[in-house]
PDB file of all heavy atoms in Angstrom:
ATOM      1  N   ALA A   1     -30.810  11.799   5.173  1.00  0.00           N
ATOM      2  CA  ALA A   1     -29.678  12.176   4.310  1.00  0.00           C
ATOM      3  C   ALA A   1     -28.870  13.311   4.950  1.00  0.00           C
ATOM      4  O   ALA A   1     -27.632  13.288   4.961  1.00  0.00           O
ATOM      5  CB  ALA A   1     -30.184  12.598   2.935  1.00  0.00           C
ATOM      6  N   SER A   2     -29.581  14.312   5.509  1.00  0.00           N
ATOM      7  CA  SER A   2     -28.878  15.409   6.184  1.00  0.00           C
ATOM      8  C   SER A   2     -28.182  14.918   7.450  1.00  0.00           C
ATOM      9  O   SER A   2     -27.073  15.356   7.778  1.00  0.00           O
ATOM     10  CB  SER A   2     -29.863  16.532   6.531  1.00  0.00           C
ATOM     11  OG  SER A   2     -30.361  17.141   5.363  1.00  0.00           O
ATOM     12  N   ILE A   3     -28.833  14.006   8.160  1.00  0.00           N
ATOM     13  CA  ILE A   3     -28.214  13.449   9.366  1.00  0.00           C
ATOM     14  C   ILE A   3     -26.937  12.702   9.009  1.00  0.00           C
ATOM     15  O   ILE A   3     -25.907  12.836   9.689  1.00  0.00           O
ATOM     16  CB  ILE A   3     -29.213  12.533  10.091  1.00  0.00           C
ATOM     17  CG1 ILE A   3     -30.354  13.368  10.692  1.00  0.00           C
ATOM     18  CG2 ILE A   3     -28.515  11.706  11.175  1.00  0.00           C
ATOM     19  CD1 ILE A   3     -31.468  12.553  11.310  1.00  0.00           C
ATOM     20  N   LEU A   4     -26.980  11.932   7.932  1.00  0.00           N
ATOM     21  CA  LEU A   4     -25.797  11.182   7.508  1.00  0.00           C
ATOM     22  C   LEU A   4     -24.668  12.135   7.116  1.00  0.00           C
ATOM     23  O   LEU A   4     -23.498  11.896   7.453  1.00  0.00           O
ATOM     24  CB  LEU A   4     -26.150  10.244   6.361  1.00  0.00           C
ATOM     25  CG  LEU A   4     -25.019   9.351   5.840  1.00  0.00           C
ATOM     26  CD1 LEU A   4     -24.482   8.460   6.965  1.00  0.00           C
ATOM     27  CD2 LEU A   4     -25.503   8.502   4.662  1.00  0.00           C
ATOM     28  N   ARG A   5     -24.992  13.207   6.414  1.00  0.00           N
ATOM     29  CA  ARG A   5     -23.957  14.185   6.040  1.00  0.00           C
ATOM     30  C   ARG A   5     -23.330  14.814   7.288  1.00  0.00           C
ATOM     31  O   ARG A   5     -22.113  15.027   7.337  1.00  0.00           O
ATOM     32  CB  ARG A   5     -24.553  15.275   5.139  1.00  0.00           C
ATOM     33  CG  ARG A   5     -24.804  14.831   3.714  1.00  0.00           C
ATOM     34  CD  ARG A   5     -25.054  16.016   2.800  1.00  0.00           C
ATOM     35  NE  ARG A   5     -26.283  16.728   3.173  1.00  0.00           N
ATOM     36  CZ  ARG A   5     -27.485  16.444   2.692  1.00  0.00           C
ATOM     37  NH1 ARG A   5     -27.625  15.441   1.823  1.00  0.00           N
ATOM     38  NH2 ARG A   5     -28.543  17.136   3.052  1.00  0.00           N
ATOM     39  N   ALA A   6     -24.157  15.097   8.281  1.00  0.00           N
ATOM     40  CA  ALA A   6     -23.620  15.669   9.525  1.00  0.00           C
ATOM     41  C   ALA A   6     -22.691  14.672  10.217  1.00  0.00           C
ATOM     42  O   ALA A   6     -21.639  15.060  10.755  1.00  0.00           O
ATOM     43  CB  ALA A   6     -24.757  16.084  10.447  1.00  0.00           C
ATOM     44  N   TYR A   7     -23.056  13.402  10.209  1.00  0.00           N
ATOM     45  CA  TYR A   7     -22.177  12.386  10.800  1.00  0.00           C
ATOM     46  C   TYR A   7     -20.883  12.237  10.004  1.00  0.00           C
ATOM     47  O   TYR A   7     -19.810  11.992  10.583  1.00  0.00           O
ATOM     48  CB  TYR A   7     -22.892  11.041  10.904  1.00  0.00           C
ATOM     49  CG  TYR A   7     -23.693  10.880  12.170  1.00  0.00           C
ATOM     50  CD1 TYR A   7     -25.060  10.618  12.134  1.00  0.00           C
ATOM     51  CD2 TYR A   7     -23.081  10.984  13.420  1.00  0.00           C
ATOM     52  CE1 TYR A   7     -25.802  10.467  13.303  1.00  0.00           C
ATOM     53  CE2 TYR A   7     -23.817  10.837  14.586  1.00  0.00           C
ATOM     54  CZ  TYR A   7     -25.172  10.581  14.524  1.00  0.00           C
ATOM     55  OH  TYR A   7     -25.894  10.443  15.689  1.00  0.00           O
ATOM     56  N   ASP A   8     -20.971  12.381   8.673  1.00  0.00           N
ATOM     57  CA  ASP A   8     -19.751  12.354   7.858  1.00  0.00           C
ATOM     58  C   ASP A   8     -18.803  13.476   8.294  1.00  0.00           C
ATOM     59  O   ASP A   8     -17.593  13.259   8.458  1.00  0.00           O
ATOM     60  CB  ASP A   8     -20.093  12.516   6.379  1.00  0.00           C
ATOM     61  CG  ASP A   8     -20.779  11.289   5.794  1.00  0.00           C
ATOM     62  OD1 ASP A   8     -20.655  10.198   6.397  1.00  0.00           O
ATOM     63  OD2 ASP A   8     -21.446  11.420   4.753  1.00  0.00           O
ATOM     64  N   ASP A   9     -19.352  14.678   8.480  1.00  0.00           N
ATOM     65  CA  ASP A   9     -18.535  15.816   8.919  1.00  0.00           C
ATOM     66  C   ASP A   9     -17.989  15.578  10.332  1.00  0.00           C
ATOM     67  O   ASP A   9     -16.840  15.913  10.624  1.00  0.00           O
ATOM     68  CB  ASP A   9     -19.361  17.107   8.893  1.00  0.00           C
ATOM     69  CG  ASP A   9     -19.747  17.533   7.480  1.00  0.00           C
ATOM     70  OD1 ASP A   9     -19.052  17.108   6.531  1.00  0.00           O
ATOM     71  OD2 ASP A   9     -20.742  18.275   7.337  1.00  0.00           O
ATOM     72  N   LEU A  10     -18.815  15.006  11.178  1.00  0.00           N
ATOM     73  CA  LEU A  10     -18.406  14.742  12.551  1.00  0.00           C
ATOM     74  C   LEU A  10     -17.271  13.721  12.594  1.00  0.00           C
ATOM     75  O   LEU A  10     -16.307  13.870  13.365  1.00  0.00           O
ATOM     76  CB  LEU A  10     -19.612  14.230  13.342  1.00  0.00           C
ATOM     77  CG  LEU A  10     -19.539  14.234  14.864  1.00  0.00           C
ATOM     78  CD1 LEU A  10     -19.276  15.627  15.395  1.00  0.00           C
ATOM     79  CD2 LEU A  10     -20.856  13.693  15.443  1.00  0.00           C
ATOM     80  N   GLN A  11     -17.367  12.710  11.755  1.00  0.00           N
ATOM     81  CA  GLN A  11     -16.323  11.686  11.708  1.00  0.00           C
ATOM     82  C   GLN A  11     -15.004  12.263  11.207  1.00  0.00           C
ATOM     83  O   GLN A  11     -13.929  11.882  11.686  1.00  0.00           O
ATOM     84  CB  GLN A  11     -16.771  10.523  10.811  1.00  0.00           C
ATOM     85  CG  GLN A  11     -15.818   9.348  10.747  1.00  0.00           C
ATOM     86  CD  GLN A  11     -15.781   8.537  12.033  1.00  0.00           C
ATOM     87  OE1 GLN A  11     -16.554   8.771  12.952  1.00  0.00           O
ATOM     88  NE2 GLN A  11     -14.857   7.596  12.110  1.00  0.00           N
ATOM     89  N   ARG A  12     -15.074  13.195  10.252  1.00  0.00           N
ATOM     90  CA  ARG A  12     -13.854  13.841   9.765  1.00  0.00           C
ATOM     91  C   ARG A  12     -13.255  14.760  10.826  1.00  0.00           C
ATOM     92  O   ARG A  12     -12.034  14.873  10.944  1.00  0.00           O
ATOM     93  CB  ARG A  12     -14.141  14.633   8.491  1.00  0.00           C
ATOM     94  CG  ARG A  12     -14.294  13.777   7.244  1.00  0.00           C
ATOM     95  CD  ARG A  12     -14.315  14.636   5.993  1.00  0.00           C
ATOM     96  NE  ARG A  12     -15.531  15.430   5.904  1.00  0.00           N
ATOM     97  CZ  ARG A  12     -16.636  15.044   5.278  1.00  0.00           C
ATOM     98  NH1 ARG A  12     -16.679  13.841   4.704  1.00  0.00           N
ATOM     99  NH2 ARG A  12     -17.695  15.818   5.226  1.00  0.00           N
ATOM    100  N   LEU A  13     -14.119  15.423  11.593  1.00  0.00           N
ATOM    101  CA  LEU A  13     -13.657  16.384  12.592  1.00  0.00           C
ATOM    102  C   LEU A  13     -13.032  15.697  13.796  1.00  0.00           C
ATOM    103  O   LEU A  13     -11.933  16.064  14.246  1.00  0.00           O
ATOM    104  CB  LEU A  13     -14.828  17.267  13.039  1.00  0.00           C
ATOM    105  CG  LEU A  13     -14.510  18.465  13.930  1.00  0.00           C
ATOM    106  CD1 LEU A  13     -13.567  19.430  13.210  1.00  0.00           C
ATOM    107  CD2 LEU A  13     -15.801  19.188  14.316  1.00  0.00           C
ATOM    108  N   THR A  14     -13.712  14.700  14.348  1.00  0.00           N
ATOM    109  CA  THR A  14     -13.208  13.956  15.520  1.00  0.00           C
ATOM    110  C   THR A  14     -13.503  12.471  15.334  1.00  0.00           C
ATOM    111  O   THR A  14     -14.481  11.950  15.894  1.00  0.00           O
ATOM    112  CB  THR A  14     -13.853  14.454  16.834  1.00  0.00           C
ATOM    113  OG1 THR A  14     -15.285  14.410  16.696  1.00  0.00           O
ATOM    114  CG2 THR A  14     -13.418  15.853  17.173  1.00  0.00           C
ATOM    115  N   PRO A  15     -12.696  11.776  14.560  1.00  0.00           N
ATOM    116  CA  PRO A  15     -12.965  10.353  14.308  1.00  0.00           C
ATOM    117  C   PRO A  15     -12.915   9.533  15.591  1.00  0.00           C
ATOM    118  O   PRO A  15     -12.007   9.683  16.408  1.00  0.00           O
ATOM    119  CB  PRO A  15     -11.842   9.947  13.348  1.00  0.00           C
ATOM    120  CG  PRO A  15     -10.768  10.965  13.540  1.00  0.00           C
ATOM    121  CD  PRO A  15     -11.468  12.240  13.893  1.00  0.00           C
ATOM    122  N   SER A  16     -13.927   8.697  15.775  1.00  0.00           N
ATOM    123  CA  SER A  16     -13.972   7.805  16.936  1.00  0.00           C
ATOM    124  C   SER A  16     -14.904   6.647  16.610  1.00  0.00           C
ATOM    125  O   SER A  16     -15.801   6.778  15.769  1.00  0.00           O
ATOM    126  CB  SER A  16     -14.478   8.550  18.171  1.00  0.00           C
ATOM    127  OG  SER A  16     -15.884   8.659  18.163  1.00  0.00           O
ATOM    128  N   PRO A  17     -14.717   5.497  17.251  1.00  0.00           N
ATOM    129  CA  PRO A  17     -15.607   4.355  16.987  1.00  0.00           C
ATOM    130  C   PRO A  17     -17.042   4.603  17.407  1.00  0.00           C
ATOM    131  O   PRO A  17     -17.969   4.044  16.810  1.00  0.00           O
ATOM    132  CB  PRO A  17     -14.975   3.217  17.795  1.00  0.00           C
ATOM    133  CG  PRO A  17     -14.092   3.874  18.802  1.00  0.00           C
ATOM    134  CD  PRO A  17     -13.622   5.144  18.174  1.00  0.00           C
ATOM    135  N   VAL A  18     -17.267   5.439  18.436  1.00  0.00           N
ATOM    136  CA  VAL A  18     -18.642   5.732  18.865  1.00  0.00           C
ATOM    137  C   VAL A  18     -19.359   6.542  17.787  1.00  0.00           C
ATOM    138  O   VAL A  18     -20.531   6.286  17.470  1.00  0.00           O
ATOM    139  CB  VAL A  18     -18.644   6.479  20.210  1.00  0.00           C
ATOM    140  CG1 VAL A  18     -20.061   6.908  20.575  1.00  0.00           C
ATOM    141  CG2 VAL A  18     -18.068   5.595  21.305  1.00  0.00           C
ATOM    142  N   ILE A  19     -18.673   7.520  17.218  1.00  0.00           N
ATOM    143  CA  ILE A  19     -19.273   8.292  16.127  1.00  0.00           C
ATOM    144  C   ILE A  19     -19.528   7.379  14.928  1.00  0.00           C
ATOM    145  O   ILE A  19     -20.567   7.484  14.264  1.00  0.00           O
ATOM    146  CB  ILE A  19     -18.367   9.479  15.741  1.00  0.00           C
ATOM    147  CG1 ILE A  19     -18.324  10.490  16.893  1.00  0.00           C
ATOM    148  CG2 ILE A  19     -18.874  10.155  14.465  1.00  0.00           C
ATOM    149  CD1 ILE A  19     -17.354  11.627  16.666  1.00  0.00           C
ATOM    150  N   ALA A  20     -18.583   6.477  14.642  1.00  0.00           N
ATOM    151  CA  ALA A  20     -18.772   5.533  13.539  1.00  0.00           C
ATOM    152  C   ALA A  20     -20.005   4.672  13.772  1.00  0.00           C
ATOM    153  O   ALA A  20     -20.758   4.375  12.829  1.00  0.00           O
ATOM    154  CB  ALA A  20     -17.524   4.666  13.377  1.00  0.00           C
ATOM    155  N   LEU A  21     -20.241   4.277  15.012  1.00  0.00           N
ATOM    156  CA  LEU A  21     -21.433   3.493  15.344  1.00  0.00           C
ATOM    157  C   LEU A  21     -22.704   4.294  15.073  1.00  0.00           C
ATOM    158  O   LEU A  21     -23.638   3.793  14.424  1.00  0.00           O
ATOM    159  CB  LEU A  21     -21.372   3.072  16.819  1.00  0.00           C
ATOM    160  CG  LEU A  21     -22.657   2.527  17.445  1.00  0.00           C
ATOM    161  CD1 LEU A  21     -23.136   1.293  16.719  1.00  0.00           C
ATOM    162  CD2 LEU A  21     -22.434   2.230  18.931  1.00  0.00           C
ATOM    163  N   ASN A  22     -22.745   5.530  15.569  1.00  0.00           N
ATOM    164  CA  ASN A  22     -23.935   6.353  15.348  1.00  0.00           C
ATOM    165  C   ASN A  22     -24.148   6.658  13.867  1.00  0.00           C
ATOM    166  O   ASN A  22     -25.289   6.707  13.388  1.00  0.00           O
ATOM    167  CB  ASN A  22     -23.811   7.650  16.144  1.00  0.00           C
ATOM    168  CG  ASN A  22     -23.866   7.406  17.640  1.00  0.00           C
ATOM    169  OD1 ASN A  22     -24.535   6.484  18.097  1.00  0.00           O
ATOM    170  ND2 ASN A  22     -23.149   8.210  18.405  1.00  0.00           N
ATOM    171  N   ARG A  23     -23.051   6.851  13.152  1.00  0.00           N
ATOM    172  CA  ARG A  23     -23.157   7.095  11.709  1.00  0.00           C
ATOM    173  C   ARG A  23     -23.727   5.863  11.008  1.00  0.00           C
ATOM    174  O   ARG A  23     -24.539   5.977  10.077  1.00  0.00           O
ATOM    175  CB  ARG A  23     -21.778   7.433  11.127  1.00  0.00           C
ATOM    176  CG  ARG A  23     -21.793   7.671   9.621  1.00  0.00           C
ATOM    177  CD  ARG A  23     -20.404   7.922   9.061  1.00  0.00           C
ATOM    178  NE  ARG A  23     -20.461   8.026   7.611  1.00  0.00           N
ATOM    179  CZ  ARG A  23     -20.431   6.999   6.780  1.00  0.00           C
ATOM    180  NH1 ARG A  23     -20.342   5.752   7.272  1.00  0.00           N
ATOM    181  NH2 ARG A  23     -20.493   7.180   5.469  1.00  0.00           N
ATOM    182  N   ALA A  24     -23.332   4.675  11.464  1.00  0.00           N
ATOM    183  CA  ALA A  24     -23.825   3.443  10.846  1.00  0.00           C
ATOM    184  C   ALA A  24     -25.333   3.302  11.016  1.00  0.00           C
ATOM    185  O   ALA A  24     -26.024   2.812  10.119  1.00  0.00           O
ATOM    186  CB  ALA A  24     -23.107   2.236  11.447  1.00  0.00           C
ATOM    187  N   VAL A  25     -25.848   3.747  12.160  1.00  0.00           N
ATOM    188  CA  VAL A  25     -27.301   3.694  12.384  1.00  0.00           C
ATOM    189  C   VAL A  25     -28.020   4.562  11.364  1.00  0.00           C
ATOM    190  O   VAL A  25     -29.059   4.175  10.794  1.00  0.00           O
ATOM    191  CB  VAL A  25     -27.631   4.146  13.822  1.00  0.00           C
ATOM    192  CG1 VAL A  25     -29.143   4.240  14.013  1.00  0.00           C
ATOM    193  CG2 VAL A  25     -27.032   3.169  14.831  1.00  0.00           C
ATOM    194  N   ALA A  26     -27.459   5.761  11.104  1.00  0.00           N
ATOM    195  CA  ALA A  26     -28.053   6.639  10.094  1.00  0.00           C
ATOM    196  C   ALA A  26     -27.897   6.049   8.697  1.00  0.00           C
ATOM    197  O   ALA A  26     -28.809   6.129   7.865  1.00  0.00           O
ATOM    198  CB  ALA A  26     -27.405   8.025  10.170  1.00  0.00           C
ATOM    199  N   LEU A  27     -26.738   5.449   8.436  1.00  0.00           N
ATOM    200  CA  LEU A  27     -26.491   4.846   7.129  1.00  0.00           C
ATOM    201  C   LEU A  27     -27.489   3.725   6.848  1.00  0.00           C
ATOM    202  O   LEU A  27     -27.934   3.545   5.698  1.00  0.00           O
ATOM    203  CB  LEU A  27     -25.058   4.308   7.083  1.00  0.00           C
ATOM    204  CG  LEU A  27     -24.593   3.719   5.751  1.00  0.00           C
ATOM    205  CD1 LEU A  27     -24.541   4.803   4.679  1.00  0.00           C
ATOM    206  CD2 LEU A  27     -23.221   3.076   5.908  1.00  0.00           C
ATOM    207  N   ALA A  28     -27.862   2.978   7.881  1.00  0.00           N
ATOM    208  CA  ALA A  28     -28.838   1.899   7.696  1.00  0.00           C
ATOM    209  C   ALA A  28     -30.174   2.437   7.221  1.00  0.00           C
ATOM    210  O   ALA A  28     -30.890   1.749   6.464  1.00  0.00           O
ATOM    211  CB  ALA A  28     -29.012   1.136   9.016  1.00  0.00           C
TER     212      ALA A  28
END
């Protein structure tokens, strides 16, 4: 849950498809 929140912040800070991919792994 904390990892996903960090990826949410990361995606807002510097949106990119690679970050979206890593966030999806955490979301799974």
